[in-house]
Amino acid sequence: MERLLVGRFHSLGDVVLATGIVGRLAISGTQVEVATRSAFVPIFEGLPVTRIWTPEDLGESGDFDRVIDLQSNGTSRRLLARGGRIGRVDSRSFARRWTVYWGRRAPRPSILHCVQRYAAAAACPQELIPALRPRMVVTEQDATEGQTLPLAWARTGSRCVGLAPGASRAMKRWPEDRFRSLAGALAAKGYATIRFEEPRDGTCRETHGAVQATLRPLKALLGRCAALVTNDSGMMHLAVALGVPVVAIFGSTVLDFGFGPLGDRDRVVERDLACRPCAPHGARFCWQGHAGCLRGVTVEDVLAAVLERTGAEVPR
């Protein structure tokens, strides 16, 4: 049996997206092992992988028949230098920059979705997206740790919509006052809401309306939500992998970059402006000063999308 190592070390969303090709390779009879940072090990727990390696113990892994480097940078090349044929992912960073500077004008380079580029690196170039969707399992340990946050556990057990206001750059974050107004509008429709915030020191905390949770309890709590409203962030892909319907707000980034949500019930809310996209990874500020890509997305737009995804009545 072929022994194959798949490596992806950061960031959250990119690591979650790697679960799709890992699952696809495993069902083909390949012995799949994964290399990732210790913080991301829970992403792969419960999946059909033989072993999960961290950078600290890769030196004991021995040789592999194939190595798939989904990070494709100097650090990953050093960590994954275990011998055998190495396949590397095409980041399409030049194509994203082309889209930023020239928009949709010809000859615009095509950018496949990230999961398809992962598949090409693993020598499965013709694989269709449904077979490559990210998938995660809420393990017994995840659920146990989730219940150590009793306020959040009880809240997500009701008709609860998760809110994920974070993102890596300012022009990927829908305004905070819009998230607060959305929570009020959802409450008027009979929904509880819970904010998912990143723990700053690795410690879990909770209040009646928000939770800071590390990855294991986060999986359990998010998996109990009826939907997630999120920016273009790792939380978006985490929800997709858990089967939670996503309403994603895209500001300075666009679906053309190849990182959109892949669930059957997901919806992207965005404004088609001539200045979008303005940076290949999302902008830190609006160079035109109006932030119209984010401020143009209204609470009513997002509320309607959430109600459609949860099967509730859509306001007229």
C-alpha atoms as a PDB file:
ATOM      1  CA  MET A   1       0.000   0.000   0.000  1.00  0.00           C
ATOM      2  CA  GLU A   2       1.274   3.447  -0.928  1.00  0.00           C
ATOM      3  CA  ARG A   3       2.325   5.561   2.027  1.00  0.00           C
ATOM      4  CA  LEU A   4       1.540   9.227   1.441  1.00  0.00           C
ATOM      5  CA  LEU A   5       2.182  12.340   3.539  1.00  0.00           C
ATOM      6  CA  VAL A   6       0.014  15.452   3.119  1.00  0.00           C
ATOM      7  CA  GLY A   7       1.408  18.627   4.702  1.00  0.00           C
ATOM      8  CA  ARG A   8      -0.359  21.897   5.488  1.00  0.00           C
ATOM      9  CA  PHE A   9       0.813  23.899   8.505  1.00  0.00           C
ATOM     10  CA  HIS A  10      -1.225  27.137   8.436  1.00  0.00           C
ATOM     11  CA  SER A  11      -3.593  29.025   8.364  1.00  0.00           C
ATOM     12  CA  LEU A  12      -6.916  27.791   9.806  1.00  0.00           C
ATOM     13  CA  GLY A  13      -9.024  27.986   6.647  1.00  0.00           C
ATOM     14  CA  ASP A  14      -6.309  26.545   4.401  1.00  0.00           C
ATOM     15  CA  VAL A  15      -5.751  23.631   6.766  1.00  0.00           C
ATOM     16  CA  VAL A  16      -9.499  22.925   6.922  1.00  0.00           C
ATOM     17  CA  LEU A  17      -9.683  22.945   3.111  1.00  0.00           C
ATOM     18  CA  ALA A  18      -6.979  20.246   3.059  1.00  0.00           C
ATOM     19  CA  THR A  19      -9.406  17.771   4.667  1.00  0.00           C
ATOM     20  CA  GLY A  20     -11.160  17.354   1.324  1.00  0.00           C
ATOM     21  CA  ILE A  21      -8.191  15.930  -0.568  1.00  0.00           C
ATOM     22  CA  VAL A  22      -7.124  13.946   2.498  1.00  0.00           C
ATOM     23  CA  GLY A  23     -10.533  12.223   2.537  1.00  0.00           C
ATOM     24  CA  ARG A  24     -10.448  11.682  -1.233  1.00  0.00           C
ATOM     25  CA  LEU A  25      -7.027  10.023  -1.104  1.00  0.00           C
ATOM     26  CA  ALA A  26      -7.982   7.848   1.865  1.00  0.00           C
ATOM     27  CA  ILE A  27     -10.994   6.275   0.112  1.00  0.00           C
ATOM     28  CA  SER A  28      -8.742   5.287  -2.801  1.00  0.00           C
ATOM     29  CA  GLY A  29      -6.918   2.838  -0.539  1.00  0.00           C
ATOM     30  CA  THR A  30      -3.871   5.013   0.080  1.00  0.00           C
ATOM     31  CA  GLN A  31      -2.341   5.101   3.564  1.00  0.00           C
ATOM     32  CA  VAL A  32      -2.652   8.817   4.240  1.00  0.00           C
ATOM     33  CA  GLU A  33      -0.702  10.584   6.965  1.00  0.00           C
ATOM     34  CA  VAL A  34      -0.934  14.286   7.708  1.00  0.00           C
ATOM     35  CA  ALA A  35       1.599  16.861   8.893  1.00  0.00           C
ATOM     36  CA  THR A  36       0.327  20.042  10.537  1.00  0.00           C
ATOM     37  CA  ARG A  37       0.922  22.304  13.521  1.00  0.00           C
ATOM     38  CA  SER A  38      -0.159  20.907  16.873  1.00  0.00           C
ATOM     39  CA  ALA A  39      -2.865  23.587  17.172  1.00  0.00           C
ATOM     40  CA  PHE A  40      -4.567  22.185  14.058  1.00  0.00           C
ATOM     41  CA  VAL A  41      -4.410  18.481  14.928  1.00  0.00           C
ATOM     42  CA  PRO A  42      -8.142  18.441  15.942  1.00  0.00           C
ATOM     43  CA  ILE A  43      -9.077  19.321  12.369  1.00  0.00           C
ATOM     44  CA  PHE A  44      -8.000  15.873  11.182  1.00  0.00           C
ATOM     45  CA  GLU A  45      -9.070  13.809  14.193  1.00  0.00           C
ATOM     46  CA  GLY A  46     -11.825  11.357  13.289  1.00  0.00           C
ATOM     47  CA  LEU A  47     -10.884  11.370   9.593  1.00  0.00           C
ATOM     48  CA  PRO A  48      -9.479   8.266   7.832  1.00  0.00           C
ATOM     49  CA  VAL A  49      -5.818   9.147   8.372  1.00  0.00           C
ATOM     50  CA  THR A  50      -3.222   6.737   9.704  1.00  0.00           C
ATOM     51  CA  ARG A  51      -1.290   9.289  11.722  1.00  0.00           C
ATOM     52  CA  ILE A  52      -1.071  13.046  12.316  1.00  0.00           C
ATOM     53  CA  TRP A  53       2.481  14.378  12.557  1.00  0.00           C
ATOM     54  CA  THR A  54       3.547  17.721  13.997  1.00  0.00           C
ATOM     55  CA  PRO A  55       6.738  19.565  12.969  1.00  0.00           C
ATOM     56  CA  GLU A  56       8.395  18.499  16.210  1.00  0.00           C
ATOM     57  CA  ASP A  57       8.128  14.760  15.524  1.00  0.00           C
ATOM     58  CA  LEU A  58       8.407  14.599  11.722  1.00  0.00           C
ATOM     59  CA  GLY A  59      12.030  13.549  12.047  1.00  0.00           C
ATOM     60  CA  GLU A  60      10.825  10.143  13.284  1.00  0.00           C
ATOM     61  CA  SER A  61       8.365   9.556  10.440  1.00  0.00           C
ATOM     62  CA  GLY A  62      10.655   7.716   8.049  1.00  0.00           C
ATOM     63  CA  ASP A  63      10.315   7.868   4.257  1.00  0.00           C
ATOM     64  CA  PHE A  64       7.124   8.091   2.224  1.00  0.00           C
ATOM     65  CA  ASP A  65       6.243   6.985  -1.288  1.00  0.00           C
ATOM     66  CA  ARG A  66       4.845  10.444  -1.990  1.00  0.00           C
ATOM     67  CA  VAL A  67       4.788  13.787  -0.207  1.00  0.00           C
ATOM     68  CA  ILE A  68       2.121  16.393  -1.019  1.00  0.00           C
ATOM     69  CA  ASP A  69       3.227  19.862   0.075  1.00  0.00           C
ATOM     70  CA  LEU A  70       0.083  22.003   0.263  1.00  0.00           C
ATOM     71  CA  GLN A  71       1.963  24.861   1.967  1.00  0.00           C
ATOM     72  CA  SER A  72       4.684  25.167  -0.667  1.00  0.00           C
ATOM     73  CA  ASN A  73       7.129  27.519   1.021  1.00  0.00           C
ATOM     74  CA  GLY A  74      10.670  27.216   2.278  1.00  0.00           C
ATOM     75  CA  THR A  75       9.689  26.024   5.739  1.00  0.00           C
ATOM     76  CA  SER A  76       7.325  23.326   4.462  1.00  0.00           C
ATOM     77  CA  ARG A  77       9.922  22.071   1.972  1.00  0.00           C
ATOM     78  CA  ARG A  78      12.398  21.628   4.806  1.00  0.00           C
ATOM     79  CA  LEU A  79       9.875  19.937   7.108  1.00  0.00           C
ATOM     80  CA  LEU A  80       8.549  17.599   4.406  1.00  0.00           C
ATOM     81  CA  ALA A  81      11.911  16.561   2.961  1.00  0.00           C
ATOM     82  CA  ARG A  82      11.293  12.884   3.716  1.00  0.00           C
ATOM     83  CA  GLY A  83      12.171  11.475   0.300  1.00  0.00           C
ATOM     84  CA  GLY A  84       9.920  10.244  -2.452  1.00  0.00           C
ATOM     85  CA  ARG A  85       8.116  12.283  -5.102  1.00  0.00           C
ATOM     86  CA  ILE A  86       6.928  15.680  -3.904  1.00  0.00           C
ATOM     87  CA  GLY A  87       3.856  17.398  -5.322  1.00  0.00           C
ATOM     88  CA  ARG A  88       3.392  21.085  -4.562  1.00  0.00           C
ATOM     89  CA  VAL A  89       0.303  23.271  -4.758  1.00  0.00           C
ATOM     90  CA  ASP A  90       0.112  26.213  -7.146  1.00  0.00           C
ATOM     91  CA  SER A  91      -0.837  29.227  -5.034  1.00  0.00           C
ATOM     92  CA  ARG A  92      -1.867  31.284  -8.096  1.00  0.00           C
ATOM     93  CA  SER A  93      -0.598  34.373  -6.290  1.00  0.00           C
ATOM     94  CA  PHE A  94       0.370  36.024  -9.595  1.00  0.00           C
ATOM     95  CA  ALA A  95      -3.128  35.412 -10.957  1.00  0.00           C
ATOM     96  CA  ARG A  96      -4.675  37.006  -7.887  1.00  0.00           C
ATOM     97  CA  ARG A  97      -2.472  40.067  -8.295  1.00  0.00           C
ATOM     98  CA  TRP A  98      -3.461  40.255 -11.966  1.00  0.00           C
ATOM     99  CA  THR A  99      -7.126  40.256 -10.927  1.00  0.00           C
ATOM    100  CA  VAL A 100      -6.432  43.072  -8.431  1.00  0.00           C
ATOM    101  CA  TYR A 101      -4.631  45.290 -10.950  1.00  0.00           C
ATOM    102  CA  TRP A 102      -6.561  44.505 -14.142  1.00  0.00           C
ATOM    103  CA  GLY A 103      -9.951  43.268 -12.936  1.00  0.00           C
ATOM    104  CA  ARG A 104     -11.903  40.972 -15.237  1.00  0.00           C
ATOM    105  CA  ARG A 105     -10.339  42.226 -18.463  1.00  0.00           C
ATOM    106  CA  ALA A 106      -8.810  39.723 -20.896  1.00  0.00           C
ATOM    107  CA  PRO A 107      -6.500  37.906 -20.880  1.00  0.00           C
ATOM    108  CA  ARG A 108      -7.543  37.248 -17.308  1.00  0.00           C
ATOM    109  CA  PRO A 109      -5.881  34.118 -15.849  1.00  0.00           C
ATOM    110  CA  SER A 110      -8.228  31.520 -14.418  1.00  0.00           C
ATOM    111  CA  ILE A 111      -7.987  30.583 -10.766  1.00  0.00           C
ATOM    112  CA  LEU A 112      -9.318  27.191  -9.749  1.00  0.00           C
ATOM    113  CA  HIS A 113     -10.774  26.810  -6.285  1.00  0.00           C
ATOM    114  CA  CYS A 114      -8.164  26.007  -3.659  1.00  0.00           C
ATOM    115  CA  VAL A 115      -9.464  22.437  -3.208  1.00  0.00           C
ATOM    116  CA  GLN A 116      -8.992  21.764  -6.929  1.00  0.00           C
ATOM    117  CA  ARG A 117      -5.433  23.088  -6.763  1.00  0.00           C
ATOM    118  CA  TYR A 118      -4.849  20.779  -3.799  1.00  0.00           C
ATOM    119  CA  ALA A 119      -6.165  17.897  -5.896  1.00  0.00           C
ATOM    120  CA  ALA A 120      -3.823  18.764  -8.763  1.00  0.00           C
ATOM    121  CA  ALA A 121      -0.863  18.732  -6.367  1.00  0.00           C
ATOM    122  CA  ALA A 122      -1.952  15.252  -5.274  1.00  0.00           C
ATOM    123  CA  ALA A 123      -2.163  14.059  -8.910  1.00  0.00           C
ATOM    124  CA  CYS A 124      -5.989  14.091  -8.944  1.00  0.00           C
ATOM    125  CA  PRO A 125      -6.425  17.008 -11.376  1.00  0.00           C
ATOM    126  CA  GLN A 126      -9.831  15.992 -12.770  1.00  0.00           C
ATOM    127  CA  GLU A 127     -11.553  15.609  -9.406  1.00  0.00           C
ATOM    128  CA  LEU A 128     -14.812  17.552  -9.079  1.00  0.00           C
ATOM    129  CA  ILE A 129     -15.454  19.952  -6.217  1.00  0.00           C
ATOM    130  CA  PRO A 130     -18.202  17.876  -4.470  1.00  0.00           C
ATOM    131  CA  ALA A 131     -15.646  15.124  -3.803  1.00  0.00           C
ATOM    132  CA  LEU A 132     -13.174  17.664  -2.402  1.00  0.00           C
ATOM    133  CA  ARG A 133     -15.378  19.618  -0.004  1.00  0.00           C
ATOM    134  CA  PRO A 134     -13.841  19.977   3.450  1.00  0.00           C
ATOM    135  CA  ARG A 135     -15.240  17.600   6.041  1.00  0.00           C
ATOM    136  CA  MET A 136     -14.599  17.355   9.751  1.00  0.00           C
ATOM    137  CA  VAL A 137     -15.829  15.126  12.564  1.00  0.00           C
ATOM    138  CA  VAL A 138     -16.899  16.285  16.016  1.00  0.00           C
ATOM    139  CA  THR A 139     -15.208  13.708  18.223  1.00  0.00           C
ATOM    140  CA  GLU A 140     -16.215  12.603  21.704  1.00  0.00           C
ATOM    141  CA  GLN A 141     -13.334  14.637  23.114  1.00  0.00           C
ATOM    142  CA  ASP A 142     -14.537  17.721  21.204  1.00  0.00           C
ATOM    143  CA  ALA A 143     -18.038  17.353  22.659  1.00  0.00           C
ATOM    144  CA  THR A 144     -16.688  16.815  26.164  1.00  0.00           C
ATOM    145  CA  GLU A 145     -14.616  19.990  25.954  1.00  0.00           C
ATOM    146  CA  GLY A 146     -17.541  21.879  24.461  1.00  0.00           C
ATOM    147  CA  GLN A 147     -19.661  21.035  27.488  1.00  0.00           C
ATOM    148  CA  THR A 148     -17.072  22.608  29.787  1.00  0.00           C
ATOM    149  CA  LEU A 149     -18.485  25.921  28.470  1.00  0.00           C
ATOM    150  CA  PRO A 150     -22.037  25.449  29.801  1.00  0.00           C
ATOM    151  CA  LEU A 151     -23.465  28.842  28.802  1.00  0.00           C
ATOM    152  CA  ALA A 152     -22.334  28.452  25.194  1.00  0.00           C
ATOM    153  CA  TRP A 153     -23.357  24.780  25.112  1.00  0.00           C
ATOM    154  CA  ALA A 154     -26.913  25.601  26.256  1.00  0.00           C
ATOM    155  CA  ARG A 155     -27.192  28.559  23.905  1.00  0.00           C
ATOM    156  CA  THR A 156     -26.109  26.659  20.800  1.00  0.00           C
ATOM    157  CA  GLY A 157     -28.561  23.885  21.620  1.00  0.00           C
ATOM    158  CA  SER A 158     -31.467  26.204  20.747  1.00  0.00           C
ATOM    159  CA  ARG A 159     -32.241  27.919  17.430  1.00  0.00           C
ATOM    160  CA  CYS A 160     -28.888  29.623  17.416  1.00  0.00           C
ATOM    161  CA  VAL A 161     -27.021  31.503  14.685  1.00  0.00           C
ATOM    162  CA  GLY A 162     -23.287  31.878  15.123  1.00  0.00           C
ATOM    163  CA  LEU A 163     -21.620  35.210  14.402  1.00  0.00           C
ATOM    164  CA  ALA A 164     -17.928  35.294  13.478  1.00  0.00           C
ATOM    165  CA  PRO A 165     -16.855  38.946  13.220  1.00  0.00           C
ATOM    166  CA  GLY A 166     -13.126  38.306  12.913  1.00  0.00           C
ATOM    167  CA  ALA A 167     -10.882  38.256   9.825  1.00  0.00           C
ATOM    168  CA  SER A 168      -7.200  38.688   9.109  1.00  0.00           C
ATOM    169  CA  ARG A 169      -7.484  42.191   7.616  1.00  0.00           C
ATOM    170  CA  ALA A 170      -9.664  45.214   8.303  1.00  0.00           C
ATOM    171  CA  MET A 171     -11.255  45.320   4.842  1.00  0.00           C
ATOM    172  CA  LYS A 172     -12.502  41.765   5.261  1.00  0.00           C
ATOM    173  CA  ARG A 173     -14.451  42.648   8.433  1.00  0.00           C
ATOM    174  CA  TRP A 174     -18.090  43.702   8.219  1.00  0.00           C
ATOM    175  CA  PRO A 175     -18.627  46.672  10.589  1.00  0.00           C
ATOM    176  CA  GLU A 176     -19.131  45.734  14.230  1.00  0.00           C
ATOM    177  CA  ASP A 177     -22.329  47.794  14.523  1.00  0.00           C
ATOM    178  CA  ARG A 178     -23.853  45.721  11.697  1.00  0.00           C
ATOM    179  CA  PHE A 179     -23.169  42.500  13.585  1.00  0.00           C
ATOM    180  CA  ARG A 180     -24.863  43.958  16.669  1.00  0.00           C
ATOM    181  CA  SER A 181     -27.880  45.074  14.643  1.00  0.00           C
ATOM    182  CA  LEU A 182     -28.088  41.663  12.997  1.00  0.00           C
ATOM    183  CA  ALA A 183     -28.140  39.977  16.411  1.00  0.00           C
ATOM    184  CA  GLY A 184     -31.104  42.152  17.372  1.00  0.00           C
ATOM    185  CA  ALA A 185     -32.930  41.413  14.125  1.00  0.00           C
ATOM    186  CA  LEU A 186     -32.411  37.685  14.563  1.00  0.00           C
ATOM    187  CA  ALA A 187     -33.650  37.873  18.157  1.00  0.00           C
ATOM    188  CA  ALA A 188     -36.850  39.455  16.853  1.00  0.00           C
ATOM    189  CA  LYS A 189     -37.266  36.404  14.615  1.00  0.00           C
ATOM    190  CA  GLY A 190     -36.843  34.013  17.546  1.00  0.00           C
ATOM    191  CA  TYR A 191     -33.162  33.135  17.096  1.00  0.00           C
ATOM    192  CA  ALA A 192     -30.468  33.151  19.726  1.00  0.00           C
ATOM    193  CA  THR A 193     -27.034  34.286  18.591  1.00  0.00           C
ATOM    194  CA  ILE A 194     -23.537  33.598  19.833  1.00  0.00           C
ATOM    195  CA  ARG A 195     -20.330  35.391  18.903  1.00  0.00           C
ATOM    196  CA  PHE A 196     -17.280  33.264  18.230  1.00  0.00           C
ATOM    197  CA  GLU A 197     -14.135  35.161  19.177  1.00  0.00           C
ATOM    198  CA  GLU A 198     -10.544  33.972  18.975  1.00  0.00           C
ATOM    199  CA  PRO A 199      -8.978  33.175  22.361  1.00  0.00           C
ATOM    200  CA  ARG A 200      -6.051  35.551  22.732  1.00  0.00           C
ATOM    201  CA  ASP A 201      -3.989  33.422  25.115  1.00  0.00           C
ATOM    202  CA  GLY A 202      -5.257  29.927  24.366  1.00  0.00           C
ATOM    203  CA  THR A 203      -7.741  30.079  27.274  1.00  0.00           C
ATOM    204  CA  CYS A 204     -11.458  29.415  26.771  1.00  0.00           C
ATOM    205  CA  ARG A 205     -13.891  32.020  28.113  1.00  0.00           C
ATOM    206  CA  GLU A 206     -17.624  32.568  27.795  1.00  0.00           C
ATOM    207  CA  THR A 207     -20.365  35.061  28.537  1.00  0.00           C
ATOM    208  CA  HIS A 208     -24.093  34.821  27.874  1.00  0.00           C
ATOM    209  CA  GLY A 209     -23.655  35.963  24.290  1.00  0.00           C
ATOM    210  CA  ALA A 210     -20.076  35.206  23.287  1.00  0.00           C
ATOM    211  CA  VAL A 211     -17.414  32.545  23.571  1.00  0.00           C
ATOM    212  CA  GLN A 212     -13.667  32.369  23.090  1.00  0.00           C
ATOM    213  CA  ALA A 213     -12.890  28.727  22.432  1.00  0.00           C
ATOM    214  CA  THR A 214      -9.923  26.695  21.286  1.00  0.00           C
ATOM    215  CA  LEU A 215     -10.369  24.361  18.357  1.00  0.00           C
ATOM    216  CA  ARG A 216     -11.812  21.252  20.020  1.00  0.00           C
ATOM    217  CA  PRO A 217     -14.678  22.952  21.910  1.00  0.00           C
ATOM    218  CA  LEU A 218     -15.125  25.360  18.989  1.00  0.00           C
ATOM    219  CA  LYS A 219     -15.863  22.434  16.660  1.00  0.00           C
ATOM    220  CA  ALA A 220     -18.476  21.079  19.052  1.00  0.00           C
ATOM    221  CA  LEU A 221     -20.180  24.430  19.639  1.00  0.00           C
ATOM    222  CA  LEU A 222     -20.154  25.585  16.026  1.00  0.00           C
ATOM    223  CA  GLY A 223     -21.508  22.232  14.876  1.00  0.00           C
ATOM    224  CA  ARG A 224     -24.644  22.818  16.993  1.00  0.00           C
ATOM    225  CA  CYS A 225     -25.522  26.123  15.267  1.00  0.00           C
ATOM    226  CA  ALA A 226     -28.322  26.492  12.730  1.00  0.00           C
ATOM    227  CA  ALA A 227     -26.114  28.754  10.563  1.00  0.00           C
ATOM    228  CA  LEU A 228     -23.017  30.933  10.731  1.00  0.00           C
ATOM    229  CA  VAL A 229     -22.665  34.540   9.591  1.00  0.00           C
ATOM    230  CA  THR A 230     -19.006  35.136   8.909  1.00  0.00           C
ATOM    231  CA  ASN A 231     -16.512  37.266   7.064  1.00  0.00           C
ATOM    232  CA  ASP A 232     -14.147  35.730   4.518  1.00  0.00           C
ATOM    233  CA  SER A 233     -12.123  33.892   7.157  1.00  0.00           C
ATOM    234  CA  GLY A 234     -11.080  30.498   8.428  1.00  0.00           C
ATOM    235  CA  MET A 235     -14.324  30.247  10.410  1.00  0.00           C
ATOM    236  CA  MET A 236     -16.193  30.175   7.103  1.00  0.00           C
ATOM    237  CA  HIS A 237     -14.431  26.993   6.003  1.00  0.00           C
ATOM    238  CA  LEU A 238     -14.684  25.474   9.485  1.00  0.00           C
ATOM    239  CA  ALA A 239     -18.480  25.802   9.372  1.00  0.00           C
ATOM    240  CA  VAL A 240     -18.651  24.317   5.862  1.00  0.00           C
ATOM    241  CA  ALA A 241     -16.605  21.318   6.985  1.00  0.00           C
ATOM    242  CA  LEU A 242     -19.020  20.773   9.899  1.00  0.00           C
ATOM    243  CA  GLY A 243     -22.082  20.949   7.633  1.00  0.00           C
ATOM    244  CA  VAL A 244     -23.312  24.265   9.066  1.00  0.00           C
ATOM    245  CA  PRO A 245     -24.943  26.607   6.488  1.00  0.00           C
ATOM    246  CA  VAL A 246     -22.823  29.696   5.914  1.00  0.00           C
ATOM    247  CA  VAL A 247     -23.711  33.283   5.063  1.00  0.00           C
ATOM    248  CA  ALA A 248     -20.359  34.815   4.142  1.00  0.00           C
ATOM    249  CA  ILE A 249     -19.773  38.543   3.704  1.00  0.00           C
ATOM    250  CA  PHE A 250     -17.074  39.356   1.151  1.00  0.00           C
ATOM    251  CA  GLY A 251     -15.579  42.848   1.105  1.00  0.00           C
ATOM    252  CA  SER A 252     -12.180  43.505  -0.468  1.00  0.00           C
ATOM    253  CA  THR A 253     -11.779  39.880  -1.591  1.00  0.00           C
ATOM    254  CA  VAL A 254     -13.787  38.083  -4.283  1.00  0.00           C
ATOM    255  CA  LEU A 255     -14.869  34.557  -5.155  1.00  0.00           C
ATOM    256  CA  ASP A 256     -12.588  34.705  -8.212  1.00  0.00           C
ATOM    257  CA  PHE A 257      -9.639  34.178  -5.863  1.00  0.00           C
ATOM    258  CA  GLY A 258     -10.765  30.556  -5.345  1.00  0.00           C
ATOM    259  CA  PHE A 259     -11.519  30.489  -1.618  1.00  0.00           C
ATOM    260  CA  GLY A 260     -15.310  30.672  -1.495  1.00  0.00           C
ATOM    261  CA  PRO A 261     -17.490  28.450   0.723  1.00  0.00           C
ATOM    262  CA  LEU A 262     -18.403  25.095  -0.826  1.00  0.00           C
ATOM    263  CA  GLY A 263     -21.500  23.900   1.048  1.00  0.00           C
ATOM    264  CA  ASP A 264     -24.792  23.270  -0.778  1.00  0.00           C
ATOM    265  CA  ARG A 265     -26.641  25.777   1.432  1.00  0.00           C
ATOM    266  CA  ASP A 266     -23.990  28.504   1.588  1.00  0.00           C
ATOM    267  CA  ARG A 267     -24.512  32.060   0.379  1.00  0.00           C
ATOM    268  CA  VAL A 268     -22.060  34.898  -0.269  1.00  0.00           C
ATOM    269  CA  VAL A 269     -23.334  38.453   0.240  1.00  0.00           C
ATOM    270  CA  GLU A 270     -21.272  41.113  -1.539  1.00  0.00           C
ATOM    271  CA  ARG A 271     -21.422  44.351  -3.515  1.00  0.00           C
ATOM    272  CA  ASP A 272     -20.213  44.450  -7.126  1.00  0.00           C
ATOM    273  CA  LEU A 273     -17.965  47.527  -7.109  1.00  0.00           C
ATOM    274  CA  ALA A 274     -15.404  48.512  -9.725  1.00  0.00           C
ATOM    275  CA  CYS A 275     -12.699  48.845  -7.044  1.00  0.00           C
ATOM    276  CA  ARG A 276     -13.059  45.200  -5.950  1.00  0.00           C
ATOM    277  CA  PRO A 277     -10.824  43.331  -5.375  1.00  0.00           C
ATOM    278  CA  CYS A 278      -8.231  45.765  -4.041  1.00  0.00           C
ATOM    279  CA  ALA A 279      -5.650  43.345  -2.559  1.00  0.00           C
ATOM    280  CA  PRO A 280      -4.797  39.678  -3.197  1.00  0.00           C
ATOM    281  CA  HIS A 281      -5.301  38.696   0.458  1.00  0.00           C
ATOM    282  CA  GLY A 282      -7.704  41.420   1.585  1.00  0.00           C
ATOM    283  CA  ALA A 283      -6.822  45.059   2.267  1.00  0.00           C
ATOM    284  CA  ARG A 284      -5.793  46.649   5.554  1.00  0.00           C
ATOM    285  CA  PHE A 285      -7.593  49.903   4.698  1.00  0.00           C
ATOM    286  CA  CYS A 286      -9.815  51.335   1.956  1.00  0.00           C
ATOM    287  CA  TRP A 287      -7.632  53.368  -0.393  1.00  0.00           C
ATOM    288  CA  GLN A 288     -10.744  55.238  -1.603  1.00  0.00           C
ATOM    289  CA  GLY A 289     -11.902  55.981   1.927  1.00  0.00           C
ATOM    290  CA  HIS A 290     -15.524  54.800   1.660  1.00  0.00           C
ATOM    291  CA  ALA A 291     -15.289  51.071   2.490  1.00  0.00           C
ATOM    292  CA  GLY A 292     -18.326  50.622   0.259  1.00  0.00           C
ATOM    293  CA  CYS A 293     -17.647  46.924  -0.293  1.00  0.00           C
ATOM    294  CA  LEU A 294     -18.462  46.292   3.374  1.00  0.00           C
ATOM    295  CA  ARG A 295     -20.737  49.186   4.300  1.00  0.00           C
ATOM    296  CA  GLY A 296     -22.827  48.499   1.213  1.00  0.00           C
ATOM    297  CA  VAL A 297     -23.856  45.117   2.654  1.00  0.00           C
ATOM    298  CA  THR A 298     -26.912  45.844   4.780  1.00  0.00           C
ATOM    299  CA  VAL A 299     -28.289  44.070   7.816  1.00  0.00           C
ATOM    300  CA  GLU A 300     -31.435  43.334   5.789  1.00  0.00           C
ATOM    301  CA  ASP A 301     -29.362  41.613   3.087  1.00  0.00           C
ATOM    302  CA  VAL A 302     -27.675  39.345   5.583  1.00  0.00           C
ATOM    303  CA  LEU A 303     -30.842  38.681   7.607  1.00  0.00           C
ATOM    304  CA  ALA A 304     -32.700  37.560   4.483  1.00  0.00           C
ATOM    305  CA  ALA A 305     -29.850  35.212   3.554  1.00  0.00           C
ATOM    306  CA  VAL A 306     -29.799  33.676   7.045  1.00  0.00           C
ATOM    307  CA  LEU A 307     -33.550  33.087   7.062  1.00  0.00           C
ATOM    308  CA  GLU A 308     -33.380  31.456   3.628  1.00  0.00           C
ATOM    309  CA  ARG A 309     -30.611  29.135   4.806  1.00  0.00           C
ATOM    310  CA  THR A 310     -32.485  28.120   7.950  1.00  0.00           C
ATOM    311  CA  GLY A 311     -35.842  27.668   6.226  1.00  0.00           C
ATOM    312  CA  ALA A 312     -37.537  30.536   8.068  1.00  0.00           C
ATOM    313  CA  GLU A 313     -39.817  33.135   6.548  1.00  0.00           C
ATOM    314  CA  VAL A 314     -37.928  35.797   4.618  1.00  0.00           C
ATOM    315  CA  PRO A 315     -38.926  39.388   5.458  1.00  0.00           C
ATOM    316  CA  ARG A 316     -40.579  41.350   2.620  1.00  0.00           C
END
